[in-house]
Amino acid sequence: MSSECLFCQLVVEGDHVRKADGFVAIEDINPKAETHLLVIPEKHVPTFREISEFSADESKRMLEFIAETAREQGLEDYRVVVNVGEGGGQTIFHLHWHVLGGRMGGLPG
């Protein structure tokens, strides 16, 4: 974990909607949908480009965590988005997934 990374701090100190071994979900502070959560892995990996830094088991558990978080929020139809790099709209360089459900505005940045 990086002491300078906002998301590393939120993994430890954030107001978690859900937490499991290695992953947390928090509400987005700038929601683009009725339900807009961020799923953040504890492990600091800058972008989806470095997904291979996760073992196959960790990657599987991360995707299962995302799906279970959406289910627990009562979402049946929803969108899962990952922004990759500055040109892809990523503003915080710690891999995270947006889970959006209900009425939606623009895509998350």
N, C-alpha and C. Protein backbone atom coordinates (compact mmCIF):
# COMPACT_ATOMS: atom_id res chain seq x y z
N MET A 1 0.83 -1.19 0.00
CA MET A 1 0.00 0.00 0.00
C MET A 1 0.87 1.24 0.00
N SER A 2 0.36 2.26 -0.63
CA SER A 2 1.08 3.53 -0.73
C SER A 2 0.45 4.53 0.25
N SER A 3 1.27 5.14 1.09
CA SER A 3 0.75 6.11 2.06
C SER A 3 0.25 7.38 1.36
N GLU A 4 0.65 7.60 0.11
CA GLU A 4 0.25 8.79 -0.63
C GLU A 4 -0.98 8.56 -1.51
N CYS A 5 -1.45 7.34 -1.58
CA CYS A 5 -2.58 7.00 -2.46
C CYS A 5 -3.90 7.11 -1.69
N LEU A 6 -4.82 7.92 -2.22
CA LEU A 6 -6.13 8.11 -1.60
C LEU A 6 -6.85 6.77 -1.43
N PHE A 7 -6.84 5.93 -2.46
CA PHE A 7 -7.58 4.68 -2.38
C PHE A 7 -6.93 3.70 -1.41
N CYS A 8 -5.61 3.72 -1.28
CA CYS A 8 -4.96 2.89 -0.25
C CYS A 8 -5.44 3.32 1.12
N GLN A 9 -5.60 4.63 1.32
CA GLN A 9 -6.10 5.15 2.60
C GLN A 9 -7.55 4.73 2.82
N LEU A 10 -8.37 4.80 1.76
CA LEU A 10 -9.78 4.43 1.89
C LEU A 10 -9.97 2.94 2.17
N VAL A 11 -9.06 2.12 1.68
CA VAL A 11 -9.13 0.68 1.99
C VAL A 11 -9.03 0.49 3.50
N VAL A 12 -8.18 1.27 4.15
CA VAL A 12 -7.96 1.14 5.58
C VAL A 12 -9.01 1.91 6.40
N GLU A 13 -9.31 3.14 5.98
CA GLU A 13 -10.09 4.05 6.81
C GLU A 13 -11.45 4.43 6.25
N GLY A 14 -11.79 3.97 5.08
CA GLY A 14 -13.00 4.44 4.42
C GLY A 14 -14.28 3.93 5.05
N ASP A 15 -15.38 4.54 4.65
CA ASP A 15 -16.72 4.12 5.08
C ASP A 15 -17.16 3.02 4.13
N HIS A 16 -16.87 1.79 4.48
CA HIS A 16 -17.07 0.65 3.59
C HIS A 16 -18.54 0.21 3.55
N VAL A 17 -19.04 0.04 2.36
CA VAL A 17 -20.35 -0.57 2.15
C VAL A 17 -20.22 -2.07 2.33
N ARG A 18 -19.07 -2.60 1.93
CA ARG A 18 -18.79 -4.03 2.02
C ARG A 18 -17.28 -4.22 2.08
N LYS A 19 -16.87 -5.25 2.79
CA LYS A 19 -15.44 -5.54 2.91
C LYS A 19 -15.27 -7.05 2.95
N ALA A 20 -14.27 -7.53 2.25
CA ALA A 20 -13.91 -8.95 2.28
C ALA A 20 -12.40 -9.02 2.17
N ASP A 21 -11.86 -10.18 2.32
CA ASP A 21 -10.42 -10.37 2.32
C ASP A 21 -9.79 -9.78 1.07
N GLY A 22 -9.15 -8.60 1.22
CA GLY A 22 -8.41 -8.00 0.12
C GLY A 22 -9.16 -6.98 -0.71
N PHE A 23 -10.46 -6.75 -0.43
CA PHE A 23 -11.26 -5.86 -1.26
C PHE A 23 -12.26 -5.08 -0.41
N VAL A 24 -12.57 -3.86 -0.83
CA VAL A 24 -13.61 -3.07 -0.18
C VAL A 24 -14.49 -2.44 -1.25
N ALA A 25 -15.70 -2.08 -0.84
CA ALA A 25 -16.60 -1.31 -1.69
C ALA A 25 -17.01 -0.07 -0.91
N ILE A 26 -16.98 1.08 -1.59
CA ILE A 26 -17.38 2.34 -0.99
C ILE A 26 -18.32 3.05 -1.97
N GLU A 27 -19.09 4.02 -1.45
CA GLU A 27 -19.91 4.83 -2.32
C GLU A 27 -19.04 5.87 -3.00
N ASP A 28 -19.28 6.11 -4.28
CA ASP A 28 -18.55 7.13 -5.02
C ASP A 28 -19.01 8.50 -4.54
N ILE A 29 -18.06 9.41 -4.31
CA ILE A 29 -18.42 10.75 -3.82
C ILE A 29 -19.00 11.64 -4.91
N ASN A 30 -18.88 11.21 -6.17
CA ASN A 30 -19.43 11.96 -7.30
C ASN A 30 -20.25 10.99 -8.16
N PRO A 31 -21.39 10.53 -7.62
CA PRO A 31 -22.12 9.45 -8.29
C PRO A 31 -22.65 9.82 -9.67
N LYS A 32 -22.57 8.83 -10.57
CA LYS A 32 -23.08 8.96 -11.93
C LYS A 32 -24.32 8.10 -12.14
N ALA A 33 -24.83 7.51 -11.04
CA ALA A 33 -26.03 6.67 -11.11
C ALA A 33 -26.65 6.65 -9.72
N GLU A 34 -27.90 6.15 -9.65
CA GLU A 34 -28.57 6.06 -8.34
C GLU A 34 -27.71 5.26 -7.36
N THR A 35 -27.17 4.15 -7.81
CA THR A 35 -26.20 3.39 -7.04
C THR A 35 -24.89 3.48 -7.79
N HIS A 36 -23.86 4.00 -7.12
CA HIS A 36 -22.53 4.10 -7.74
C HIS A 36 -21.50 3.77 -6.68
N LEU A 37 -20.98 2.57 -6.76
CA LEU A 37 -19.98 2.10 -5.82
C LEU A 37 -18.63 1.97 -6.50
N LEU A 38 -17.59 2.06 -5.72
CA LEU A 38 -16.24 1.77 -6.17
C LEU A 38 -15.78 0.52 -5.45
N VAL A 39 -15.29 -0.44 -6.20
CA VAL A 39 -14.67 -1.63 -5.62
C VAL A 39 -13.17 -1.46 -5.77
N ILE A 40 -12.49 -1.51 -4.63
CA ILE A 40 -11.06 -1.21 -4.58
C ILE A 40 -10.32 -2.41 -3.99
N PRO A 41 -9.34 -2.94 -4.70
CA PRO A 41 -8.51 -3.98 -4.10
C PRO A 41 -7.53 -3.35 -3.10
N GLU A 42 -7.23 -4.09 -2.05
CA GLU A 42 -6.25 -3.63 -1.06
C GLU A 42 -4.87 -3.47 -1.69
N LYS A 43 -4.53 -4.39 -2.58
CA LYS A 43 -3.22 -4.35 -3.24
C LYS A 43 -3.16 -3.14 -4.17
N HIS A 44 -2.11 -2.35 -4.02
CA HIS A 44 -1.95 -1.16 -4.86
C HIS A 44 -1.39 -1.57 -6.23
N VAL A 45 -2.26 -1.51 -7.22
CA VAL A 45 -1.91 -1.76 -8.62
C VAL A 45 -2.42 -0.53 -9.37
N PRO A 46 -1.56 0.18 -10.10
CA PRO A 46 -1.97 1.47 -10.69
C PRO A 46 -3.16 1.40 -11.65
N THR A 47 -3.15 0.47 -12.59
CA THR A 47 -4.22 0.42 -13.59
C THR A 47 -4.54 -1.02 -13.95
N PHE A 48 -5.59 -1.18 -14.74
CA PHE A 48 -5.97 -2.51 -15.23
C PHE A 48 -4.87 -3.12 -16.10
N ARG A 49 -4.02 -2.28 -16.67
CA ARG A 49 -2.89 -2.80 -17.48
C ARG A 49 -2.03 -3.77 -16.68
N GLU A 50 -1.94 -3.56 -15.38
CA GLU A 50 -1.11 -4.40 -14.51
C GLU A 50 -1.90 -5.51 -13.81
N ILE A 51 -3.02 -5.91 -14.39
CA ILE A 51 -3.89 -6.92 -13.77
C ILE A 51 -3.12 -8.22 -13.50
N SER A 52 -2.06 -8.48 -14.26
CA SER A 52 -1.29 -9.71 -14.06
C SER A 52 -0.55 -9.72 -12.72
N GLU A 53 -0.52 -8.58 -12.01
CA GLU A 53 0.08 -8.56 -10.67
C GLU A 53 -0.80 -9.30 -9.66
N PHE A 54 -2.04 -9.59 -10.04
CA PHE A 54 -2.93 -10.40 -9.22
C PHE A 54 -2.82 -11.84 -9.68
N SER A 55 -2.82 -12.75 -8.73
CA SER A 55 -2.84 -14.17 -9.10
C SER A 55 -4.20 -14.48 -9.71
N ALA A 56 -4.30 -15.62 -10.36
CA ALA A 56 -5.58 -16.03 -10.95
C ALA A 56 -6.65 -16.12 -9.87
N ASP A 57 -6.29 -16.64 -8.71
CA ASP A 57 -7.25 -16.75 -7.60
C ASP A 57 -7.69 -15.37 -7.12
N GLU A 58 -6.75 -14.43 -6.99
CA GLU A 58 -7.11 -13.07 -6.56
C GLU A 58 -8.04 -12.41 -7.58
N SER A 59 -7.75 -12.58 -8.86
CA SER A 59 -8.60 -11.99 -9.90
C SER A 59 -10.00 -12.57 -9.84
N LYS A 60 -10.09 -13.86 -9.65
CA LYS A 60 -11.40 -14.52 -9.55
C LYS A 60 -12.16 -13.99 -8.33
N ARG A 61 -11.49 -13.90 -7.19
CA ARG A 61 -12.13 -13.41 -5.98
C ARG A 61 -12.57 -11.95 -6.13
N MET A 62 -11.78 -11.16 -6.87
CA MET A 62 -12.14 -9.76 -7.09
C MET A 62 -13.44 -9.68 -7.91
N LEU A 63 -13.53 -10.45 -8.98
CA LEU A 63 -14.74 -10.42 -9.80
C LEU A 63 -15.94 -10.95 -9.03
N GLU A 64 -15.73 -11.98 -8.22
CA GLU A 64 -16.83 -12.50 -7.39
C GLU A 64 -17.26 -11.45 -6.37
N PHE A 65 -16.31 -10.71 -5.80
CA PHE A 65 -16.62 -9.65 -4.85
C PHE A 65 -17.47 -8.57 -5.52
N ILE A 66 -17.11 -8.20 -6.74
CA ILE A 66 -17.88 -7.19 -7.48
C ILE A 66 -19.32 -7.68 -7.68
N ALA A 67 -19.48 -8.91 -8.15
CA ALA A 67 -20.82 -9.46 -8.40
C ALA A 67 -21.63 -9.57 -7.12
N GLU A 68 -21.01 -10.03 -6.04
CA GLU A 68 -21.73 -10.18 -4.77
C GLU A 68 -22.10 -8.82 -4.18
N THR A 69 -21.24 -7.84 -4.35
CA THR A 69 -21.54 -6.48 -3.88
C THR A 69 -22.77 -5.94 -4.60
N ALA A 70 -22.84 -6.14 -5.91
CA ALA A 70 -24.01 -5.69 -6.68
C ALA A 70 -25.27 -6.41 -6.20
N ARG A 71 -25.18 -7.72 -5.98
CA ARG A 71 -26.34 -8.48 -5.49
C ARG A 71 -26.80 -7.95 -4.14
N GLU A 72 -25.85 -7.71 -3.23
CA GLU A 72 -26.20 -7.22 -1.90
C GLU A 72 -26.84 -5.84 -1.94
N GLN A 73 -26.54 -5.07 -2.97
CA GLN A 73 -27.15 -3.75 -3.14
C GLN A 73 -28.51 -3.83 -3.83
N GLY A 74 -28.94 -5.05 -4.15
CA GLY A 74 -30.23 -5.25 -4.80
C GLY A 74 -30.22 -4.97 -6.29
N LEU A 75 -29.05 -4.94 -6.88
CA LEU A 75 -28.95 -4.65 -8.31
C LEU A 75 -29.08 -5.94 -9.12
N GLU A 76 -29.99 -5.93 -10.07
CA GLU A 76 -30.11 -7.04 -11.01
C GLU A 76 -29.49 -6.66 -12.35
N ASP A 77 -29.77 -5.45 -12.78
CA ASP A 77 -29.21 -4.92 -14.01
C ASP A 77 -28.30 -3.77 -13.62
N TYR A 78 -27.07 -3.84 -14.07
CA TYR A 78 -26.10 -2.82 -13.68
C TYR A 78 -24.93 -2.82 -14.64
N ARG A 79 -24.07 -1.84 -14.49
CA ARG A 79 -22.89 -1.70 -15.33
C ARG A 79 -21.66 -1.78 -14.44
N VAL A 80 -20.61 -2.44 -14.93
CA VAL A 80 -19.32 -2.49 -14.26
C VAL A 80 -18.31 -1.86 -15.21
N VAL A 81 -17.61 -0.81 -14.73
CA VAL A 81 -16.71 -0.05 -15.59
C VAL A 81 -15.35 0.05 -14.91
N VAL A 82 -14.30 -0.10 -15.69
CA VAL A 82 -12.95 0.19 -15.22
C VAL A 82 -12.32 1.15 -16.22
N ASN A 83 -11.88 2.30 -15.73
CA ASN A 83 -11.20 3.28 -16.58
C ASN A 83 -9.71 2.97 -16.54
N VAL A 84 -9.09 2.97 -17.70
CA VAL A 84 -7.68 2.60 -17.79
C VAL A 84 -6.87 3.76 -18.35
N GLY A 85 -6.05 4.35 -17.49
CA GLY A 85 -5.18 5.44 -17.91
C GLY A 85 -5.91 6.76 -18.01
N GLU A 86 -5.12 7.82 -18.07
CA GLU A 86 -5.67 9.17 -18.13
C GLU A 86 -6.60 9.36 -19.32
N GLY A 87 -6.19 8.85 -20.49
CA GLY A 87 -7.01 8.97 -21.70
C GLY A 87 -8.31 8.20 -21.61
N GLY A 88 -8.36 7.21 -20.73
CA GLY A 88 -9.57 6.41 -20.52
C GLY A 88 -10.44 6.93 -19.39
N GLY A 89 -10.06 8.08 -18.83
CA GLY A 89 -10.86 8.70 -17.78
C GLY A 89 -10.43 8.37 -16.36
N GLN A 90 -9.32 7.64 -16.19
CA GLN A 90 -8.87 7.30 -14.85
C GLN A 90 -8.23 8.53 -14.21
N THR A 91 -8.67 8.86 -12.99
CA THR A 91 -8.14 10.02 -12.29
C THR A 91 -7.34 9.64 -11.04
N ILE A 92 -7.60 8.48 -10.49
CA ILE A 92 -6.83 7.98 -9.34
C ILE A 92 -6.17 6.69 -9.79
N PHE A 93 -4.87 6.66 -9.67
CA PHE A 93 -4.11 5.54 -10.22
C PHE A 93 -3.88 4.44 -9.20
N HIS A 94 -5.01 3.84 -8.85
CA HIS A 94 -5.11 2.63 -8.05
C HIS A 94 -6.29 1.90 -8.69
N LEU A 95 -6.06 0.72 -9.22
CA LEU A 95 -7.11 -0.02 -9.91
C LEU A 95 -8.39 -0.01 -9.09
N HIS A 96 -9.49 0.28 -9.74
CA HIS A 96 -10.80 0.23 -9.09
C HIS A 96 -11.87 0.03 -10.15
N TRP A 97 -12.98 -0.50 -9.70
CA TRP A 97 -14.12 -0.82 -10.56
C TRP A 97 -15.31 0.02 -10.13
N HIS A 98 -16.02 0.58 -11.09
CA HIS A 98 -17.26 1.30 -10.82
C HIS A 98 -18.41 0.32 -11.02
N VAL A 99 -19.30 0.26 -10.03
CA VAL A 99 -20.52 -0.54 -10.13
C VAL A 99 -21.67 0.46 -10.12
N LEU A 100 -22.40 0.52 -11.25
CA LEU A 100 -23.45 1.52 -11.41
C LEU A 100 -24.79 0.84 -11.68
N GLY A 101 -25.80 1.26 -10.93
CA GLY A 101 -27.13 0.70 -11.12
C GLY A 101 -28.20 1.76 -10.97
N GLY A 102 -29.38 1.48 -11.47
CA GLY A 102 -30.47 2.45 -11.43
C GLY A 102 -30.27 3.47 -12.54
N ARG A 103 -30.96 4.61 -12.38
CA ARG A 103 -30.84 5.67 -13.40
C ARG A 103 -29.42 6.18 -13.43
N MET A 104 -28.89 6.31 -14.66
CA MET A 104 -27.50 6.69 -14.84
C MET A 104 -27.37 8.01 -15.57
N GLY A 105 -26.31 8.74 -15.22
CA GLY A 105 -25.92 9.95 -15.93
C GLY A 105 -24.82 9.56 -16.90
N GLY A 106 -23.78 10.39 -16.99
CA GLY A 106 -22.64 10.10 -17.86
C GLY A 106 -21.75 8.99 -17.30
N LEU A 107 -20.86 8.51 -18.11
CA LEU A 107 -19.92 7.50 -17.65
C LEU A 107 -19.02 8.08 -16.58
N PRO A 108 -18.59 7.25 -15.62
CA PRO A 108 -17.74 7.77 -14.55
C PRO A 108 -16.37 8.15 -15.07
N GLY A 109 -15.81 9.18 -14.48
CA GLY A 109 -14.49 9.64 -14.83
C GLY A 109 -13.50 9.30 -13.74
